[in-house]
Amino acid sequence: NGIDWKEMLEPLMIYISPWLVLPVCIYIGFGVFALMNIVTGVFVESALESARREKERFLLHTVQNLFNTTDEDKSGDISWPEFQAKLHTSAMHLYFKTIDLDISEAEDLFHLIDVNDSGSIDPEEFVDGCIRLQGPAKAIDLATLMHEFKRSHRTIKQSHRALTTAVSRLRKPPAGHRPEPMITTV
């Protein structure tokens, strides 16, 4: 239900110039190309989002299975020796490949995931840490920086408390000591 292209272009070719058909055809071709590009873009974006969600589900499933198999003593926590003992398993290699890390960075990963510095990782720390570290290798660099910053911040706070205590002791005069009056001249 519309006008045929021939009916639209014939008067242009006969009464004006056959060369004017060329810009119209280019315009129509550009419109079709643009429309197809939008449709393709929507399809690709949908496929990429679906693949990202699938990777997240796979990673979560892998992390849960990895935690269960790594916790050999079934204590509910993973210690560094338990983690280290499983480093050469195919599941651990698959996990490291999934989060784009080299297996040589395993000890750094363990200490990053152990946010409370207890020496062991509980399930919540493990899942949160693993999900947080997924992505390119730059994610572990940022996580290392955050971990070192937190550790430095704790050390600085402890030093500040100790310094404040020492200064307050210095300001307090010893028992039985009378401060000398300050003499001012006018």
C-alpha atoms as a PDB file:
ATOM      1  CA  ASN A   1       0.000   0.000   0.000  1.00  0.00           C
ATOM      2  CA  GLY A   2       2.178   2.759  -1.177  1.00  0.00           C
ATOM      3  CA  ILE A   3       3.644   4.408  -4.205  1.00  0.00           C
ATOM      4  CA  ASP A   4       5.861   2.236  -6.386  1.00  0.00           C
ATOM      5  CA  TRP A   5       9.475   3.418  -6.777  1.00  0.00           C
ATOM      6  CA  LYS A   6       9.028   3.518 -10.546  1.00  0.00           C
ATOM      7  CA  GLU A   7       6.061   5.885 -10.285  1.00  0.00           C
ATOM      8  CA  MET A   8       8.060   8.177  -8.026  1.00  0.00           C
ATOM      9  CA  LEU A   9      11.285   8.234 -10.057  1.00  0.00           C
ATOM     10  CA  GLU A  10       9.838   8.252 -13.605  1.00  0.00           C
ATOM     11  CA  PRO A  11       8.763  11.937 -13.600  1.00  0.00           C
ATOM     12  CA  LEU A  12      12.155  12.880 -12.154  1.00  0.00           C
ATOM     13  CA  MET A  13      13.944  11.000 -14.969  1.00  0.00           C
ATOM     14  CA  ILE A  14      11.711  12.215 -17.819  1.00  0.00           C
ATOM     15  CA  TYR A  15      11.053  15.865 -16.955  1.00  0.00           C
ATOM     16  CA  ILE A  16      14.196  16.893 -15.062  1.00  0.00           C
ATOM     17  CA  SER A  17      17.220  14.634 -15.485  1.00  0.00           C
ATOM     18  CA  PRO A  18      18.020  10.912 -15.235  1.00  0.00           C
ATOM     19  CA  TRP A  19      21.024  11.870 -13.082  1.00  0.00           C
ATOM     20  CA  LEU A  20      18.715  12.937 -10.215  1.00  0.00           C
ATOM     21  CA  VAL A  21      17.681   9.310  -9.743  1.00  0.00           C
ATOM     22  CA  LEU A  22      21.187   8.565  -8.458  1.00  0.00           C
ATOM     23  CA  PRO A  23      20.944  10.737  -5.277  1.00  0.00           C
ATOM     24  CA  VAL A  24      17.510   9.276  -4.508  1.00  0.00           C
ATOM     25  CA  CYS A  25      18.849   5.728  -4.872  1.00  0.00           C
ATOM     26  CA  ILE A  26      21.846   6.599  -2.687  1.00  0.00           C
ATOM     27  CA  TYR A  27      19.479   8.098  -0.091  1.00  0.00           C
ATOM     28  CA  ILE A  28      17.306   4.956  -0.095  1.00  0.00           C
ATOM     29  CA  GLY A  29      20.389   2.705   0.113  1.00  0.00           C
ATOM     30  CA  PHE A  30      21.755   4.743   3.022  1.00  0.00           C
ATOM     31  CA  GLY A  31      18.410   4.498   4.843  1.00  0.00           C
ATOM     32  CA  VAL A  32      18.251   0.725   4.389  1.00  0.00           C
ATOM     33  CA  PHE A  33      21.892   0.390   5.479  1.00  0.00           C
ATOM     34  CA  ALA A  34      21.265   2.528   8.586  1.00  0.00           C
ATOM     35  CA  LEU A  35      18.189   0.502   9.520  1.00  0.00           C
ATOM     36  CA  MET A  36      20.051  -2.785   9.090  1.00  0.00           C
ATOM     37  CA  ASN A  37      22.930  -1.420  11.153  1.00  0.00           C
ATOM     38  CA  ILE A  38      20.559  -0.545  14.022  1.00  0.00           C
ATOM     39  CA  VAL A  39      18.919  -3.972  13.894  1.00  0.00           C
ATOM     40  CA  THR A  40      22.321  -5.680  13.866  1.00  0.00           C
ATOM     41  CA  GLY A  41      23.530  -3.492  16.741  1.00  0.00           C
ATOM     42  CA  VAL A  42      20.519  -4.400  18.880  1.00  0.00           C
ATOM     43  CA  PHE A  43      21.042  -8.090  18.136  1.00  0.00           C
ATOM     44  CA  VAL A  44      24.776  -7.981  18.947  1.00  0.00           C
ATOM     45  CA  GLU A  45      24.190  -5.987  22.149  1.00  0.00           C
ATOM     46  CA  SER A  46      21.593  -8.521  23.263  1.00  0.00           C
ATOM     47  CA  ALA A  47      23.955 -11.406  22.500  1.00  0.00           C
ATOM     48  CA  LEU A  48      26.821  -9.755  24.411  1.00  0.00           C
ATOM     49  CA  GLU A  49      24.604  -9.091  27.446  1.00  0.00           C
ATOM     50  CA  SER A  50      23.402 -12.695  27.390  1.00  0.00           C
ATOM     51  CA  ALA A  51      27.003 -13.936  27.202  1.00  0.00           C
ATOM     52  CA  ARG A  52      28.016 -11.659  30.109  1.00  0.00           C
ATOM     53  CA  ARG A  53      25.158 -12.969  32.284  1.00  0.00           C
ATOM     54  CA  GLU A  54      26.043 -16.550  31.359  1.00  0.00           C
ATOM     55  CA  LYS A  55      29.689 -15.937  32.274  1.00  0.00           C
ATOM     56  CA  GLU A  56      28.621 -14.484  35.645  1.00  0.00           C
ATOM     57  CA  ARG A  57      26.425 -17.536  36.351  1.00  0.00           C
ATOM     58  CA  PHE A  58      29.237 -19.846  35.310  1.00  0.00           C
ATOM     59  CA  LEU A  59      31.708 -17.979  37.506  1.00  0.00           C
ATOM     60  CA  LEU A  60      29.377 -18.065  40.521  1.00  0.00           C
ATOM     61  CA  HIS A  61      28.784 -21.795  40.039  1.00  0.00           C
ATOM     62  CA  THR A  62      32.524 -22.387  39.616  1.00  0.00           C
ATOM     63  CA  VAL A  63      33.338 -20.361  42.731  1.00  0.00           C
ATOM     64  CA  GLN A  64      30.803 -22.252  44.845  1.00  0.00           C
ATOM     65  CA  ASN A  65      32.093 -25.625  43.645  1.00  0.00           C
ATOM     66  CA  LEU A  66      35.679 -24.482  44.094  1.00  0.00           C
ATOM     67  CA  PHE A  67      35.025 -23.433  47.686  1.00  0.00           C
ATOM     68  CA  ASN A  68      33.316 -26.725  48.508  1.00  0.00           C
ATOM     69  CA  THR A  69      36.139 -28.828  47.034  1.00  0.00           C
ATOM     70  CA  THR A  70      38.922 -26.676  48.505  1.00  0.00           C
ATOM     71  CA  ASP A  71      37.543 -26.793  52.069  1.00  0.00           C
ATOM     72  CA  GLU A  72      38.867 -30.299  52.718  1.00  0.00           C
ATOM     73  CA  ASP A  73      38.368 -30.306  56.487  1.00  0.00           C
ATOM     74  CA  LYS A  74      34.772 -29.021  56.050  1.00  0.00           C
ATOM     75  CA  SER A  75      35.414 -26.289  58.634  1.00  0.00           C
ATOM     76  CA  GLY A  76      33.547 -23.700  56.593  1.00  0.00           C
ATOM     77  CA  ASP A  77      36.770 -21.759  55.997  1.00  0.00           C
ATOM     78  CA  ILE A  78      39.647 -22.186  53.550  1.00  0.00           C
ATOM     79  CA  SER A  79      43.150 -21.790  54.957  1.00  0.00           C
ATOM     80  CA  TRP A  80      46.170 -20.918  52.828  1.00  0.00           C
ATOM     81  CA  PRO A  81      47.525 -24.527  52.973  1.00  0.00           C
ATOM     82  CA  GLU A  82      44.146 -25.853  51.745  1.00  0.00           C
ATOM     83  CA  PHE A  83      44.063 -23.239  48.980  1.00  0.00           C
ATOM     84  CA  GLN A  84      47.670 -23.941  48.010  1.00  0.00           C
ATOM     85  CA  ALA A  85      47.066 -27.704  47.892  1.00  0.00           C
ATOM     86  CA  LYS A  86      44.344 -27.207  45.266  1.00  0.00           C
ATOM     87  CA  LEU A  87      46.287 -24.813  43.015  1.00  0.00           C
ATOM     88  CA  HIS A  88      47.262 -27.532  40.551  1.00  0.00           C
ATOM     89  CA  THR A  89      43.745 -28.900  40.023  1.00  0.00           C
ATOM     90  CA  SER A  90      41.944 -28.345  36.743  1.00  0.00           C
ATOM     91  CA  ALA A  91      39.076 -26.560  38.527  1.00  0.00           C
ATOM     92  CA  MET A  92      41.471 -24.025  40.032  1.00  0.00           C
ATOM     93  CA  HIS A  93      43.178 -23.471  36.664  1.00  0.00           C
ATOM     94  CA  LEU A  94      39.766 -22.981  35.043  1.00  0.00           C
ATOM     95  CA  TYR A  95      38.810 -20.470  37.718  1.00  0.00           C
ATOM     96  CA  PHE A  96      42.040 -18.487  37.311  1.00  0.00           C
ATOM     97  CA  LYS A  97      41.560 -18.507  33.542  1.00  0.00           C
ATOM     98  CA  THR A  98      37.979 -17.286  33.962  1.00  0.00           C
ATOM     99  CA  ILE A  99      39.035 -14.268  36.036  1.00  0.00           C
ATOM    100  CA  ASP A 100      42.026 -13.602  33.750  1.00  0.00           C
ATOM    101  CA  LEU A 101      44.693 -14.207  36.391  1.00  0.00           C
ATOM    102  CA  ASP A 102      47.908 -16.151  36.297  1.00  0.00           C
ATOM    103  CA  ILE A 103      48.162 -19.039  38.764  1.00  0.00           C
ATOM    104  CA  SER A 104      51.411 -17.502  40.062  1.00  0.00           C
ATOM    105  CA  GLU A 105      49.310 -14.723  41.612  1.00  0.00           C
ATOM    106  CA  ALA A 106      47.408 -17.197  43.804  1.00  0.00           C
ATOM    107  CA  GLU A 107      48.937 -16.100  47.115  1.00  0.00           C
ATOM    108  CA  ASP A 108      48.187 -12.445  46.359  1.00  0.00           C
ATOM    109  CA  LEU A 109      44.638 -13.447  45.446  1.00  0.00           C
ATOM    110  CA  PHE A 110      44.225 -15.371  48.708  1.00  0.00           C
ATOM    111  CA  HIS A 111      45.393 -12.414  50.804  1.00  0.00           C
ATOM    112  CA  LEU A 112      43.173 -10.033  48.833  1.00  0.00           C
ATOM    113  CA  ILE A 113      40.121 -12.188  49.370  1.00  0.00           C
ATOM    114  CA  ASP A 114      40.942 -12.522  53.087  1.00  0.00           C
ATOM    115  CA  VAL A 115      39.723  -8.998  53.863  1.00  0.00           C
ATOM    116  CA  ASN A 116      39.772  -9.435  57.655  1.00  0.00           C
ATOM    117  CA  ASP A 117      43.359 -10.816  57.667  1.00  0.00           C
ATOM    118  CA  SER A 118      42.283 -13.887  59.633  1.00  0.00           C
ATOM    119  CA  GLY A 119      44.468 -16.244  57.586  1.00  0.00           C
ATOM    120  CA  SER A 120      41.417 -18.088  56.320  1.00  0.00           C
ATOM    121  CA  ILE A 121      38.577 -17.309  53.948  1.00  0.00           C
ATOM    122  CA  ASP A 122      34.928 -17.884  54.789  1.00  0.00           C
ATOM    123  CA  PRO A 123      32.367 -18.541  52.023  1.00  0.00           C
ATOM    124  CA  GLU A 124      31.115 -14.943  51.951  1.00  0.00           C
ATOM    125  CA  GLU A 125      34.641 -13.512  51.640  1.00  0.00           C
ATOM    126  CA  PHE A 126      35.467 -16.062  48.945  1.00  0.00           C
ATOM    127  CA  VAL A 127      32.425 -15.417  46.754  1.00  0.00           C
ATOM    128  CA  ASP A 128      32.529 -11.620  47.223  1.00  0.00           C
ATOM    129  CA  GLY A 129      36.256 -11.484  46.541  1.00  0.00           C
ATOM    130  CA  CYS A 130      36.091 -13.729  43.498  1.00  0.00           C
ATOM    131  CA  ILE A 131      33.183 -11.842  41.960  1.00  0.00           C
ATOM    132  CA  ARG A 132      34.867  -8.506  42.700  1.00  0.00           C
ATOM    133  CA  LEU A 133      38.078  -9.640  41.008  1.00  0.00           C
ATOM    134  CA  GLN A 134      36.556 -10.923  37.797  1.00  0.00           C
ATOM    135  CA  GLY A 135      37.565  -9.057  34.696  1.00  0.00           C
ATOM    136  CA  PRO A 136      40.898  -8.179  33.183  1.00  0.00           C
ATOM    137  CA  ALA A 137      44.136  -8.458  35.120  1.00  0.00           C
ATOM    138  CA  LYS A 138      43.927  -4.766  35.978  1.00  0.00           C
ATOM    139  CA  ALA A 139      41.169  -5.624  38.474  1.00  0.00           C
ATOM    140  CA  ILE A 140      43.626  -7.499  40.681  1.00  0.00           C
ATOM    141  CA  ASP A 141      46.012  -4.575  40.523  1.00  0.00           C
ATOM    142  CA  LEU A 142      43.284  -2.261  41.768  1.00  0.00           C
ATOM    143  CA  ALA A 143      42.255  -4.760  44.428  1.00  0.00           C
ATOM    144  CA  THR A 144      45.886  -5.064  45.553  1.00  0.00           C
ATOM    145  CA  LEU A 145      46.085  -1.305  45.831  1.00  0.00           C
ATOM    146  CA  MET A 146      42.880  -1.209  47.892  1.00  0.00           C
ATOM    147  CA  HIS A 147      44.169  -3.967  50.165  1.00  0.00           C
ATOM    148  CA  GLU A 148      47.509  -2.258  50.715  1.00  0.00           C
ATOM    149  CA  PHE A 149      45.754   1.057  51.350  1.00  0.00           C
ATOM    150  CA  LYS A 150      43.521  -0.533  54.009  1.00  0.00           C
ATOM    151  CA  ARG A 151      46.537  -2.153  55.653  1.00  0.00           C
ATOM    152  CA  SER A 152      48.487   1.129  55.596  1.00  0.00           C
ATOM    153  CA  HIS A 153      45.483   3.007  56.940  1.00  0.00           C
ATOM    154  CA  ARG A 154      45.236   0.592  59.896  1.00  0.00           C
ATOM    155  CA  THR A 155      48.958   0.985  60.593  1.00  0.00           C
ATOM    156  CA  ILE A 156      48.724   4.766  60.443  1.00  0.00           C
ATOM    157  CA  LYS A 157      45.725   4.764  62.796  1.00  0.00           C
ATOM    158  CA  GLN A 158      47.628   2.610  65.296  1.00  0.00           C
ATOM    159  CA  SER A 159      50.663   4.892  65.039  1.00  0.00           C
ATOM    160  CA  HIS A 160      48.466   7.940  65.503  1.00  0.00           C
ATOM    161  CA  ARG A 161      46.905   6.473  68.649  1.00  0.00           C
ATOM    162  CA  ALA A 162      50.329   5.620  70.062  1.00  0.00           C
ATOM    163  CA  LEU A 163      51.647   9.087  69.235  1.00  0.00           C
ATOM    164  CA  THR A 164      48.598  10.767  70.782  1.00  0.00           C
ATOM    165  CA  THR A 165      49.061   8.722  73.963  1.00  0.00           C
ATOM    166  CA  ALA A 166      52.761   9.585  74.128  1.00  0.00           C
ATOM    167  CA  VAL A 167      52.097  13.312  73.616  1.00  0.00           C
ATOM    168  CA  SER A 168      49.403  13.343  76.287  1.00  0.00           C
ATOM    169  CA  ARG A 169      51.841  11.699  78.733  1.00  0.00           C
ATOM    170  CA  LEU A 170      54.444  14.339  77.944  1.00  0.00           C
ATOM    171  CA  ARG A 171      51.981  17.144  78.553  1.00  0.00           C
ATOM    172  CA  LYS A 172      50.921  15.775  81.920  1.00  0.00           C
ATOM    173  CA  PRO A 173      53.312  17.065  84.604  1.00  0.00           C
ATOM    174  CA  PRO A 174      54.746  14.511  86.999  1.00  0.00           C
ATOM    175  CA  ALA A 175      53.065  14.220  90.409  1.00  0.00           C
ATOM    176  CA  GLY A 176      54.267  16.871  92.900  1.00  0.00           C
ATOM    177  CA  HIS A 177      55.733  19.070  90.183  1.00  0.00           C
ATOM    178  CA  ARG A 178      54.677  22.698  90.163  1.00  0.00           C
ATOM    179  CA  PRO A 179      54.818  24.489  86.905  1.00  0.00           C
ATOM    180  CA  GLU A 180      56.853  27.684  86.975  1.00  0.00           C
ATOM    181  CA  PRO A 181      54.828  30.837  86.483  1.00  0.00           C
ATOM    182  CA  MET A 182      55.286  32.475  83.135  1.00  0.00           C
ATOM    183  CA  ILE A 183      56.749  35.983  83.365  1.00  0.00           C
ATOM    184  CA  THR A 184      55.684  38.379  80.744  1.00  0.00           C
ATOM    185  CA  THR A 185      57.127  41.815  80.156  1.00  0.00           C
ATOM    186  CA  VAL A 186      55.126  44.711  78.959  1.00  0.00           C
END
